[in-house]
Amino acid sequence: MPEKRSHPRKICNSRIDILDVESNEFIGTLVNISTSGFMMITEKALPENYVFQFQIVFAPGSTESHSIQLGAESLWVQEMEGSDQRWIGFHVIDISDRDKATISSLIGDWRV
């Protein structure tokens, strides 16, 4: 099936945490990302069509750890059969130019 996304996504090969900006609570783990959207895996029951403010923390616990903040709308939720986990797809709706450039740079550095 041909790719329908306007921005290619890259699969994350290491653990990248996603936190809620307001509560600083761990929400899930990044699965793939582009400058326009991302997918996470989580045990949280998050609603579809809802806007969130997230902090994505690259290399958590590392001395070179850095993060980005963005607003994202949940587009779909798919529960994993026989598990408490679910996949959730997001569309990025608010991100700074600097953080968008960080994603672009990281995507260029990652190898699938």
PDB file of N, CA and C in Angstrom:
ATOM      1  N   MET A   1       0.845  -1.173   0.000  1.00  0.00           N
ATOM      2  CA  MET A   1       0.000   0.000   0.000  1.00  0.00           C
ATOM      3  C   MET A   1       0.893   1.240   0.000  1.00  0.00           C
ATOM      4  N   PRO A   2       0.603   2.215  -0.849  1.00  0.00           N
ATOM      5  CA  PRO A   2       1.438   3.420  -0.897  1.00  0.00           C
ATOM      6  C   PRO A   2       1.268   4.281   0.355  1.00  0.00           C
ATOM      7  N   GLU A   3       2.345   4.938   0.730  1.00  0.00           N
ATOM      8  CA  GLU A   3       2.343   5.842   1.883  1.00  0.00           C
ATOM      9  C   GLU A   3       1.476   7.054   1.582  1.00  0.00           C
ATOM     10  N   LYS A   4       0.569   7.394   2.507  1.00  0.00           N
ATOM     11  CA  LYS A   4      -0.335   8.530   2.320  1.00  0.00           C
ATOM     12  C   LYS A   4       0.086   9.760   3.106  1.00  0.00           C
ATOM     13  N   ARG A   5       1.072   9.617   3.976  1.00  0.00           N
ATOM     14  CA  ARG A   5       1.495  10.745   4.794  1.00  0.00           C
ATOM     15  C   ARG A   5       2.298  11.739   3.964  1.00  0.00           C
ATOM     16  N   SER A   6       2.099  13.020   4.267  1.00  0.00           N
ATOM     17  CA  SER A   6       2.853  14.047   3.558  1.00  0.00           C
ATOM     18  C   SER A   6       4.261  14.211   4.130  1.00  0.00           C
ATOM     19  N   HIS A   7       4.482  13.777   5.369  1.00  0.00           N
ATOM     20  CA  HIS A   7       5.797  13.836   6.005  1.00  0.00           C
ATOM     21  C   HIS A   7       6.174  12.425   6.452  1.00  0.00           C
ATOM     22  N   PRO A   8       7.307  11.909   6.018  1.00  0.00           N
ATOM     23  CA  PRO A   8       7.684  10.551   6.421  1.00  0.00           C
ATOM     24  C   PRO A   8       7.940  10.467   7.916  1.00  0.00           C
ATOM     25  N   ARG A   9       7.535   9.353   8.492  1.00  0.00           N
ATOM     26  CA  ARG A   9       7.782   9.108   9.908  1.00  0.00           C
ATOM     27  C   ARG A   9       8.935   8.141  10.044  1.00  0.00           C
ATOM     28  N   LYS A  10       9.639   8.284  11.135  1.00  0.00           N
ATOM     29  CA  LYS A  10      10.738   7.373  11.439  1.00  0.00           C
ATOM     30  C   LYS A  10      10.391   6.603  12.701  1.00  0.00           C
ATOM     31  N   ILE A  11      10.726   5.328  12.679  1.00  0.00           N
ATOM     32  CA  ILE A  11      10.498   4.468  13.832  1.00  0.00           C
ATOM     33  C   ILE A  11      11.573   4.754  14.876  1.00  0.00           C
ATOM     34  N   CYS A  12      11.165   4.819  16.128  1.00  0.00           N
ATOM     35  CA  CYS A  12      12.093   5.080  17.220  1.00  0.00           C
ATOM     36  C   CYS A  12      12.723   3.766  17.665  1.00  0.00           C
ATOM     37  N   ASN A  13      14.041   3.732  17.679  1.00  0.00           N
ATOM     38  CA  ASN A  13      14.761   2.512  18.040  1.00  0.00           C
ATOM     39  C   ASN A  13      15.170   2.474  19.506  1.00  0.00           C
ATOM     40  N   SER A  14      14.868   3.522  20.249  1.00  0.00           N
ATOM     41  CA  SER A  14      15.183   3.553  21.672  1.00  0.00           C
ATOM     42  C   SER A  14      13.988   4.130  22.419  1.00  0.00           C
ATOM     43  N   ARG A  15      14.004   3.982  23.721  1.00  0.00           N
ATOM     44  CA  ARG A  15      12.887   4.477  24.524  1.00  0.00           C
ATOM     45  C   ARG A  15      12.891   6.004  24.565  1.00  0.00           C
ATOM     46  N   ILE A  16      11.753   6.573  24.191  1.00  0.00           N
ATOM     47  CA  ILE A  16      11.564   8.020  24.228  1.00  0.00           C
ATOM     48  C   ILE A  16      10.248   8.266  24.961  1.00  0.00           C
ATOM     49  N   ASP A  17      10.337   8.881  26.124  1.00  0.00           N
ATOM     50  CA  ASP A  17       9.174   9.084  26.981  1.00  0.00           C
ATOM     51  C   ASP A  17       8.353  10.297  26.544  1.00  0.00           C
ATOM     52  N   ILE A  18       7.049  10.180  26.737  1.00  0.00           N
ATOM     53  CA  ILE A  18       6.125  11.288  26.503  1.00  0.00           C
ATOM     54  C   ILE A  18       5.468  11.615  27.831  1.00  0.00           C
ATOM     55  N   LEU A  19       5.572  12.891  28.225  1.00  0.00           N
ATOM     56  CA  LEU A  19       5.022  13.360  29.495  1.00  0.00           C
ATOM     57  C   LEU A  19       3.931  14.382  29.246  1.00  0.00           C
ATOM     58  N   ASP A  20       2.961  14.449  30.167  1.00  0.00           N
ATOM     59  CA  ASP A  20       1.965  15.507  30.155  1.00  0.00           C
ATOM     60  C   ASP A  20       2.642  16.772  30.686  1.00  0.00           C
ATOM     61  N   VAL A  21       2.527  17.877  29.955  1.00  0.00           N
ATOM     62  CA  VAL A  21       3.214  19.110  30.345  1.00  0.00           C
ATOM     63  C   VAL A  21       2.711  19.627  31.684  1.00  0.00           C
ATOM     64  N   GLU A  22       1.410  19.624  31.902  1.00  0.00           N
ATOM     65  CA  GLU A  22       0.863  20.213  33.131  1.00  0.00           C
ATOM     66  C   GLU A  22       1.170  19.397  34.378  1.00  0.00           C
ATOM     67  N   SER A  23       1.032  18.071  34.295  1.00  0.00           N
ATOM     68  CA  SER A  23       1.213  17.231  35.484  1.00  0.00           C
ATOM     69  C   SER A  23       2.607  16.620  35.580  1.00  0.00           C
ATOM     70  N   ASN A  24       3.375  16.670  34.493  1.00  0.00           N
ATOM     71  CA  ASN A  24       4.683  16.024  34.391  1.00  0.00           C
ATOM     72  C   ASN A  24       4.563  14.505  34.551  1.00  0.00           C
ATOM     73  N   GLU A  25       3.369  13.964  34.333  1.00  0.00           N
ATOM     74  CA  GLU A  25       3.098  12.538  34.445  1.00  0.00           C
ATOM     75  C   GLU A  25       3.518  11.807  33.175  1.00  0.00           C
ATOM     76  N   PHE A  26       4.116  10.626  33.341  1.00  0.00           N
ATOM     77  CA  PHE A  26       4.471   9.781  32.219  1.00  0.00           C
ATOM     78  C   PHE A  26       3.180   9.318  31.536  1.00  0.00           C
ATOM     79  N   ILE A  27       3.083   9.539  30.222  1.00  0.00           N
ATOM     80  CA  ILE A  27       1.882   9.167  29.472  1.00  0.00           C
ATOM     81  C   ILE A  27       2.115   7.925  28.620  1.00  0.00           C
ATOM     82  N   GLY A  28       3.256   7.868  27.947  1.00  0.00           N
ATOM     83  CA  GLY A  28       3.519   6.734  27.080  1.00  0.00           C
ATOM     84  C   GLY A  28       4.900   6.816  26.464  1.00  0.00           C
ATOM     85  N   THR A  29       5.114   5.944  25.475  1.00  0.00           N
ATOM     86  CA  THR A  29       6.394   5.850  24.801  1.00  0.00           C
ATOM     87  C   THR A  29       6.208   6.104  23.315  1.00  0.00           C
ATOM     88  N   LEU A  30       7.076   6.908  22.751  1.00  0.00           N
ATOM     89  CA  LEU A  30       7.021   7.233  21.337  1.00  0.00           C
ATOM     90  C   LEU A  30       7.349   6.007  20.499  1.00  0.00           C
ATOM     91  N   VAL A  31       6.538   5.775  19.446  1.00  0.00           N
ATOM     92  CA  VAL A  31       6.760   4.655  18.532  1.00  0.00           C
ATOM     93  C   VAL A  31       7.359   5.154  17.222  1.00  0.00           C
ATOM     94  N   ASN A  32       6.749   6.205  16.656  1.00  0.00           N
ATOM     95  CA  ASN A  32       7.292   6.828  15.454  1.00  0.00           C
ATOM     96  C   ASN A  32       6.898   8.293  15.449  1.00  0.00           C
ATOM     97  N   ILE A  33       7.608   9.074  14.608  1.00  0.00           N
ATOM     98  CA  ILE A  33       7.397  10.523  14.637  1.00  0.00           C
ATOM     99  C   ILE A  33       7.743  11.150  13.294  1.00  0.00           C
ATOM    100  N   SER A  34       7.052  12.230  12.991  1.00  0.00           N
ATOM    101  CA  SER A  34       7.394  13.124  11.886  1.00  0.00           C
ATOM    102  C   SER A  34       7.178  14.536  12.411  1.00  0.00           C
ATOM    103  N   THR A  35       7.401  15.524  11.569  1.00  0.00           N
ATOM    104  CA  THR A  35       7.176  16.893  12.016  1.00  0.00           C
ATOM    105  C   THR A  35       5.689  17.217  12.116  1.00  0.00           C
ATOM    106  N   SER A  36       4.835  16.353  11.562  1.00  0.00           N
ATOM    107  CA  SER A  36       3.397  16.628  11.584  1.00  0.00           C
ATOM    108  C   SER A  36       2.586  15.665  12.445  1.00  0.00           C
ATOM    109  N   GLY A  37       3.198  14.607  12.943  1.00  0.00           N
ATOM    110  CA  GLY A  37       2.441  13.661  13.740  1.00  0.00           C
ATOM    111  C   GLY A  37       3.327  12.607  14.376  1.00  0.00           C
ATOM    112  N   PHE A  38       2.718  11.801  15.231  1.00  0.00           N
ATOM    113  CA  PHE A  38       3.457  10.732  15.893  1.00  0.00           C
ATOM    114  C   PHE A  38       2.482   9.685  16.414  1.00  0.00           C
ATOM    115  N   MET A  39       3.048   8.537  16.781  1.00  0.00           N
ATOM    116  CA  MET A  39       2.264   7.472  17.404  1.00  0.00           C
ATOM    117  C   MET A  39       2.953   7.097  18.705  1.00  0.00           C
ATOM    118  N   MET A  40       2.145   6.828  19.710  1.00  0.00           N
ATOM    119  CA  MET A  40       2.675   6.374  20.987  1.00  0.00           C
ATOM    120  C   MET A  40       2.014   5.071  21.373  1.00  0.00           C
ATOM    121  N   ILE A  41       2.641   4.369  22.308  1.00  0.00           N
ATOM    122  CA  ILE A  41       2.037   3.217  22.949  1.00  0.00           C
ATOM    123  C   ILE A  41       1.897   3.589  24.421  1.00  0.00           C
ATOM    124  N   THR A  42       0.747   3.266  24.992  1.00  0.00           N
ATOM    125  CA  THR A  42       0.458   3.686  26.366  1.00  0.00           C
ATOM    126  C   THR A  42      -0.502   2.720  27.047  1.00  0.00           C
ATOM    127  N   GLU A  43      -0.510   2.757  28.357  1.00  0.00           N
ATOM    128  CA  GLU A  43      -1.513   2.037  29.139  1.00  0.00           C
ATOM    129  C   GLU A  43      -2.624   2.982  29.586  1.00  0.00           C
ATOM    130  N   LYS A  44      -2.476   4.258  29.305  1.00  0.00           N
ATOM    131  CA  LYS A  44      -3.479   5.259  29.672  1.00  0.00           C
ATOM    132  C   LYS A  44      -4.669   5.182  28.721  1.00  0.00           C
ATOM    133  N   ALA A  45      -5.856   5.390  29.245  1.00  0.00           N
ATOM    134  CA  ALA A  45      -7.067   5.443  28.427  1.00  0.00           C
ATOM    135  C   ALA A  45      -7.304   6.892  28.004  1.00  0.00           C
ATOM    136  N   LEU A  46      -6.673   7.294  26.911  1.00  0.00           N
ATOM    137  CA  LEU A  46      -6.809   8.663  26.416  1.00  0.00           C
ATOM    138  C   LEU A  46      -7.912   8.710  25.366  1.00  0.00           C
ATOM    139  N   PRO A  47      -8.679   9.807  25.337  1.00  0.00           N
ATOM    140  CA  PRO A  47      -9.780   9.910  24.371  1.00  0.00           C
ATOM    141  C   PRO A  47      -9.309  10.302  22.975  1.00  0.00           C
ATOM    142  N   GLU A  48     -10.114   9.955  21.981  1.00  0.00           N
ATOM    143  CA  GLU A  48      -9.894  10.420  20.613  1.00  0.00           C
ATOM    144  C   GLU A  48     -10.377  11.858  20.491  1.00  0.00           C
ATOM    145  N   ASN A  49      -9.853  12.574  19.487  1.00  0.00           N
ATOM    146  CA  ASN A  49     -10.273  13.948  19.188  1.00  0.00           C
ATOM    147  C   ASN A  49     -10.138  14.880  20.394  1.00  0.00           C
ATOM    148  N   TYR A  50      -9.014  14.771  21.057  1.00  0.00           N
ATOM    149  CA  TYR A  50      -8.744  15.571  22.245  1.00  0.00           C
ATOM    150  C   TYR A  50      -7.363  16.199  22.091  1.00  0.00           C
ATOM    151  N   VAL A  51      -7.208  17.425  22.562  1.00  0.00           N
ATOM    152  CA  VAL A  51      -5.933  18.134  22.432  1.00  0.00           C
ATOM    153  C   VAL A  51      -5.132  17.991  23.723  1.00  0.00           C
ATOM    154  N   PHE A  52      -3.873  17.644  23.565  1.00  0.00           N
ATOM    155  CA  PHE A  52      -2.953  17.435  24.685  1.00  0.00           C
ATOM    156  C   PHE A  52      -1.745  18.346  24.519  1.00  0.00           C
ATOM    157  N   GLN A  53      -1.091  18.661  25.638  1.00  0.00           N
ATOM    158  CA  GLN A  53       0.206  19.345  25.638  1.00  0.00           C
ATOM    159  C   GLN A  53       1.219  18.337  26.155  1.00  0.00           C
ATOM    160  N   PHE A  54       2.152  17.938  25.309  1.00  0.00           N
ATOM    161  CA  PHE A  54       3.129  16.917  25.663  1.00  0.00           C
ATOM    162  C   PHE A  54       4.543  17.464  25.671  1.00  0.00           C
ATOM    163  N   GLN A  55       5.355  16.810  26.458  1.00  0.00           N
ATOM    164  CA  GLN A  55       6.798  16.989  26.413  1.00  0.00           C
ATOM    165  C   GLN A  55       7.366  15.640  25.991  1.00  0.00           C
ATOM    166  N   ILE A  56       8.139  15.629  24.919  1.00  0.00           N
ATOM    167  CA  ILE A  56       8.787  14.408  24.451  1.00  0.00           C
ATOM    168  C   ILE A  56      10.240  14.500  24.883  1.00  0.00           C
ATOM    169  N   VAL A  57      10.668  13.506  25.676  1.00  0.00           N
ATOM    170  CA  VAL A  57      11.996  13.532  26.284  1.00  0.00           C
ATOM    171  C   VAL A  57      12.889  12.528  25.565  1.00  0.00           C
ATOM    172  N   PHE A  58      13.849  13.056  24.822  1.00  0.00           N
ATOM    173  CA  PHE A  58      14.812  12.222  24.105  1.00  0.00           C
ATOM    174  C   PHE A  58      15.954  11.869  25.035  1.00  0.00           C
ATOM    175  N   ALA A  59      16.370  10.625  25.044  1.00  0.00           N
ATOM    176  CA  ALA A  59      17.468  10.123  25.884  1.00  0.00           C
ATOM    177  C   ALA A  59      17.219  10.420  27.360  1.00  0.00           C
ATOM    178  N   PRO A  60      16.078   9.922  27.919  1.00  0.00           N
ATOM    179  CA  PRO A  60      15.811  10.188  29.336  1.00  0.00           C
ATOM    180  C   PRO A  60      16.920   9.637  30.230  1.00  0.00           C
ATOM    181  N   GLY A  61      17.301  10.438  31.209  1.00  0.00           N
ATOM    182  CA  GLY A  61      18.332  10.038  32.149  1.00  0.00           C
ATOM    183  C   GLY A  61      19.744  10.258  31.651  1.00  0.00           C
ATOM    184  N   SER A  62      19.899  10.606  30.394  1.00  0.00           N
ATOM    185  CA  SER A  62      21.223  10.847  29.828  1.00  0.00           C
ATOM    186  C   SER A  62      21.705  12.238  30.214  1.00  0.00           C
ATOM    187  N   THR A  63      23.015  12.415  30.249  1.00  0.00           N
ATOM    188  CA  THR A  63      23.551  13.747  30.530  1.00  0.00           C
ATOM    189  C   THR A  63      23.289  14.687  29.352  1.00  0.00           C
ATOM    190  N   GLU A  64      22.989  14.119  28.176  1.00  0.00           N
ATOM    191  CA  GLU A  64      22.695  14.929  26.996  1.00  0.00           C
ATOM    192  C   GLU A  64      21.192  14.945  26.689  1.00  0.00           C
ATOM    193  N   SER A  65      20.386  14.672  27.681  1.00  0.00           N
ATOM    194  CA  SER A  65      18.936  14.626  27.487  1.00  0.00           C
ATOM    195  C   SER A  65      18.404  15.982  27.041  1.00  0.00           C
ATOM    196  N   HIS A  66      17.492  15.951  26.101  1.00  0.00           N
ATOM    197  CA  HIS A  66      16.794  17.165  25.704  1.00  0.00           C
ATOM    198  C   HIS A  66      15.357  16.795  25.382  1.00  0.00           C
ATOM    199  N   SER A  67      14.526  17.795  25.287  1.00  0.00           N
ATOM    200  CA  SER A  67      13.117  17.529  25.070  1.00  0.00           C
ATOM    201  C   SER A  67      12.512  18.597  24.172  1.00  0.00           C
ATOM    202  N   ILE A  68      11.323  18.283  23.682  1.00  0.00           N
ATOM    203  CA  ILE A  68      10.546  19.250  22.934  1.00  0.00           C
ATOM    204  C   ILE A  68       9.146  19.278  23.519  1.00  0.00           C
ATOM    205  N   GLN A  69       8.455  20.384  23.314  1.00  0.00           N
ATOM    206  CA  GLN A  69       7.066  20.489  23.736  1.00  0.00           C
ATOM    207  C   GLN A  69       6.207  20.743  22.513  1.00  0.00           C
ATOM    208  N   LEU A  70       5.017  20.160  22.544  1.00  0.00           N
ATOM    209  CA  LEU A  70       4.104  20.343  21.426  1.00  0.00           C
ATOM    210  C   LEU A  70       2.667  20.119  21.868  1.00  0.00           C
ATOM    211  N   GLY A  71       1.761  20.690  21.102  1.00  0.00           N
ATOM    212  CA  GLY A  71       0.344  20.423  21.261  1.00  0.00           C
ATOM    213  C   GLY A  71      -0.043  19.423  20.186  1.00  0.00           C
ATOM    214  N   ALA A  72      -0.843  18.435  20.561  1.00  0.00           N
ATOM    215  CA  ALA A  72      -1.220  17.397  19.605  1.00  0.00           C
ATOM    216  C   ALA A  72      -2.654  16.952  19.845  1.00  0.00           C
ATOM    217  N   GLU A  73      -3.334  16.625  18.745  1.00  0.00           N
ATOM    218  CA  GLU A  73      -4.696  16.106  18.823  1.00  0.00           C
ATOM    219  C   GLU A  73      -4.673  14.609  18.570  1.00  0.00           C
ATOM    220  N   SER A  74      -5.337  13.869  19.450  1.00  0.00           N
ATOM    221  CA  SER A  74      -5.435  12.416  19.259  1.00  0.00           C
ATOM    222  C   SER A  74      -6.443  12.142  18.142  1.00  0.00           C
ATOM    223  N   LEU A  75      -6.010  11.391  17.137  1.00  0.00           N
ATOM    224  CA  LEU A  75      -6.851  11.104  15.980  1.00  0.00           C
ATOM    225  C   LEU A  75      -7.524   9.749  16.069  1.00  0.00           C
ATOM    226  N   TRP A  76      -6.845   8.779  16.641  1.00  0.00           N
ATOM    227  CA  TRP A  76      -7.396   7.430  16.743  1.00  0.00           C
ATOM    228  C   TRP A  76      -6.741   6.696  17.906  1.00  0.00           C
ATOM    229  N   VAL A  77      -7.461   5.713  18.425  1.00  0.00           N
ATOM    230  CA  VAL A  77      -6.961   4.857  19.499  1.00  0.00           C
ATOM    231  C   VAL A  77      -7.259   3.414  19.104  1.00  0.00           C
ATOM    232  N   GLN A  78      -6.246   2.562  19.183  1.00  0.00           N
ATOM    233  CA  GLN A  78      -6.442   1.147  18.888  1.00  0.00           C
ATOM    234  C   GLN A  78      -5.944   0.328  20.065  1.00  0.00           C
ATOM    235  N   GLU A  79      -6.874  -0.343  20.738  1.00  0.00           N
ATOM    236  CA  GLU A  79      -6.497  -1.164  21.876  1.00  0.00           C
ATOM    237  C   GLU A  79      -5.864  -2.455  21.394  1.00  0.00           C
ATOM    238  N   MET A  80      -4.858  -2.910  22.131  1.00  0.00           N
ATOM    239  CA  MET A  80      -4.177  -4.153  21.799  1.00  0.00           C
ATOM    240  C   MET A  80      -4.910  -5.296  22.485  1.00  0.00           C
ATOM    241  N   GLU A  81      -5.347  -6.247  21.706  1.00  0.00           N
ATOM    242  CA  GLU A  81      -6.100  -7.372  22.231  1.00  0.00           C
ATOM    243  C   GLU A  81      -5.270  -8.152  23.249  1.00  0.00           C
ATOM    244  N   GLY A  82      -5.889  -8.457  24.388  1.00  0.00           N
ATOM    245  CA  GLY A  82      -5.219  -9.218  25.430  1.00  0.00           C
ATOM    246  C   GLY A  82      -4.190  -8.429  26.216  1.00  0.00           C
ATOM    247  N   SER A  83      -4.260  -7.093  26.151  1.00  0.00           N
ATOM    248  CA  SER A  83      -3.269  -6.249  26.819  1.00  0.00           C
ATOM    249  C   SER A  83      -3.950  -4.973  27.318  1.00  0.00           C
ATOM    250  N   ASP A  84      -3.327  -4.328  28.296  1.00  0.00           N
ATOM    251  CA  ASP A  84      -3.804  -3.028  28.767  1.00  0.00           C
ATOM    252  C   ASP A  84      -3.271  -1.896  27.903  1.00  0.00           C
ATOM    253  N   GLN A  85      -2.424  -2.231  26.938  1.00  0.00           N
ATOM    254  CA  GLN A  85      -1.801  -1.198  26.124  1.00  0.00           C
ATOM    255  C   GLN A  85      -2.664  -0.838  24.920  1.00  0.00           C
ATOM    256  N   ARG A  86      -2.409   0.372  24.416  1.00  0.00           N
ATOM    257  CA  ARG A  86      -3.105   0.847  23.215  1.00  0.00           C
ATOM    258  C   ARG A  86      -2.158   1.705  22.404  1.00  0.00           C
ATOM    259  N   TRP A  87      -2.375   1.709  21.090  1.00  0.00           N
ATOM    260  CA  TRP A  87      -1.667   2.577  20.157  1.00  0.00           C
ATOM    261  C   TRP A  87      -2.524   3.818  19.987  1.00  0.00           C
ATOM    262  N   ILE A  88      -1.903   4.988  19.946  1.00  0.00           N
ATOM    263  CA  ILE A  88      -2.652   6.228  19.723  1.00  0.00           C
ATOM    264  C   ILE A  88      -1.901   7.069  18.698  1.00  0.00           C
ATOM    265  N   GLY A  89      -2.633   7.519  17.686  1.00  0.00           N
ATOM    266  CA  GLY A  89      -2.055   8.366  16.654  1.00  0.00           C
ATOM    267  C   GLY A  89      -2.409   9.824  16.899  1.00  0.00           C
ATOM    268  N   PHE A  90      -1.439  10.708  16.715  1.00  0.00           N
ATOM    269  CA  PHE A  90      -1.607  12.137  16.984  1.00  0.00           C
ATOM    270  C   PHE A  90      -1.208  12.976  15.778  1.00  0.00           C
ATOM    271  N   HIS A  91      -1.882  14.098  15.648  1.00  0.00           N
ATOM    272  CA  HIS A  91      -1.522  15.126  14.683  1.00  0.00           C
ATOM    273  C   HIS A  91      -0.980  16.311  15.471  1.00  0.00           C
ATOM    274  N   VAL A  92       0.211  16.769  15.111  1.00  0.00           N
ATOM    275  CA  VAL A  92       0.819  17.918  15.801  1.00  0.00           C
ATOM    276  C   VAL A  92       0.092  19.183  15.356  1.00  0.00           C
ATOM    277  N   ILE A  93      -0.407  19.941  16.325  1.00  0.00           N
ATOM    278  CA  ILE A  93      -1.139  21.168  15.990  1.00  0.00           C
ATOM    279  C   ILE A  93      -0.447  22.432  16.476  1.00  0.00           C
ATOM    280  N   ASP A  94       0.539  22.278  17.379  1.00  0.00           N
ATOM    281  CA  ASP A  94       1.243  23.449  17.900  1.00  0.00           C
ATOM    282  C   ASP A  94       2.654  23.038  18.288  1.00  0.00           C
ATOM    283  N   ILE A  95       3.635  23.627  17.593  1.00  0.00           N
ATOM    284  CA  ILE A  95       5.026  23.322  17.888  1.00  0.00           C
ATOM    285  C   ILE A  95       5.866  24.522  17.471  1.00  0.00           C
ATOM    286  N   SER A  96       6.889  24.811  18.249  1.00  0.00           N
ATOM    287  CA  SER A  96       7.761  25.927  17.897  1.00  0.00           C
ATOM    288  C   SER A  96       8.627  25.557  16.691  1.00  0.00           C
ATOM    289  N   ASP A  97       9.102  26.555  15.994  1.00  0.00           N
ATOM    290  CA  ASP A  97       9.999  26.312  14.855  1.00  0.00           C
ATOM    291  C   ASP A  97      11.261  25.580  15.318  1.00  0.00           C
ATOM    292  N   ARG A  98      11.748  25.951  16.478  1.00  0.00           N
ATOM    293  CA  ARG A  98      12.954  25.317  17.031  1.00  0.00           C
ATOM    294  C   ARG A  98      12.729  23.831  17.291  1.00  0.00           C
ATOM    295  N   ASP A  99      11.588  23.488  17.912  1.00  0.00           N
ATOM    296  CA  ASP A  99      11.308  22.089  18.205  1.00  0.00           C
ATOM    297  C   ASP A  99      11.014  21.293  16.929  1.00  0.00           C
ATOM    298  N   LYS A 100      10.381  21.932  15.950  1.00  0.00           N
ATOM    299  CA  LYS A 100      10.159  21.275  14.659  1.00  0.00           C
ATOM    300  C   LYS A 100      11.503  20.968  13.985  1.00  0.00           C
ATOM    301  N   ALA A 101      12.447  21.896  14.064  1.00  0.00           N
ATOM    302  CA  ALA A 101      13.783  21.677  13.509  1.00  0.00           C
ATOM    303  C   ALA A 101      14.502  20.544  14.253  1.00  0.00           C
ATOM    304  N   THR A 102      14.284  20.460  15.564  1.00  0.00           N
ATOM    305  CA  THR A 102      14.883  19.381  16.351  1.00  0.00           C
ATOM    306  C   THR A 102      14.370  18.037  15.861  1.00  0.00           C
ATOM    307  N   ILE A 103      13.057  17.922  15.626  1.00  0.00           N
ATOM    308  CA  ILE A 103      12.493  16.673  15.106  1.00  0.00           C
ATOM    309  C   ILE A 103      13.088  16.351  13.739  1.00  0.00           C
ATOM    310  N   SER A 104      13.146  17.340  12.865  1.00  0.00           N
ATOM    311  CA  SER A 104      13.714  17.119  11.530  1.00  0.00           C
ATOM    312  C   SER A 104      15.151  16.623  11.622  1.00  0.00           C
ATOM    313  N   SER A 105      15.924  17.221  12.499  1.00  0.00           N
ATOM    314  CA  SER A 105      17.315  16.823  12.682  1.00  0.00           C
ATOM    315  C   SER A 105      17.413  15.401  13.216  1.00  0.00           C
ATOM    316  N   LEU A 106      16.598  15.079  14.208  1.00  0.00           N
ATOM    317  CA  LEU A 106      16.624  13.740  14.786  1.00  0.00           C
ATOM    318  C   LEU A 106      16.187  12.690  13.769  1.00  0.00           C
ATOM    319  N   ILE A 107      15.188  13.004  12.969  1.00  0.00           N
ATOM    320  CA  ILE A 107      14.730  12.068  11.949  1.00  0.00           C
ATOM    321  C   ILE A 107      15.867  11.791  10.961  1.00  0.00           C
ATOM    322  N   GLY A 108      16.602  12.814  10.615  1.00  0.00           N
ATOM    323  CA  GLY A 108      17.738  12.646   9.707  1.00  0.00           C
ATOM    324  C   GLY A 108      18.835  11.799  10.308  1.00  0.00           C
ATOM    325  N   ASP A 109      18.983  11.845  11.641  1.00  0.00           N
ATOM    326  CA  ASP A 109      20.029  11.072  12.324  1.00  0.00           C
ATOM    327  C   ASP A 109      19.633   9.618  12.563  1.00  0.00           C
ATOM    328  N   TRP A 110      18.331   9.347  12.678  1.00  0.00           N
ATOM    329  CA  TRP A 110      17.867   7.990  12.964  1.00  0.00           C
ATOM    330  C   TRP A 110      17.941   7.127  11.725  1.00  0.00           C
ATOM    331  N   ARG A 111      18.254   5.894  11.923  1.00  0.00           N
ATOM    332  CA  ARG A 111      18.262   4.923  10.839  1.00  0.00           C
ATOM    333  C   ARG A 111      17.183   3.894  11.127  1.00  0.00           C
ATOM    334  N   VAL A 112      16.407   3.561  10.132  1.00  0.00           N
ATOM    335  CA  VAL A 112      15.329   2.575  10.296  1.00  0.00           C
ATOM    336  C   VAL A 112      15.909   1.187  10.225  1.00  0.00           C
TER     337      VAL A 112
END
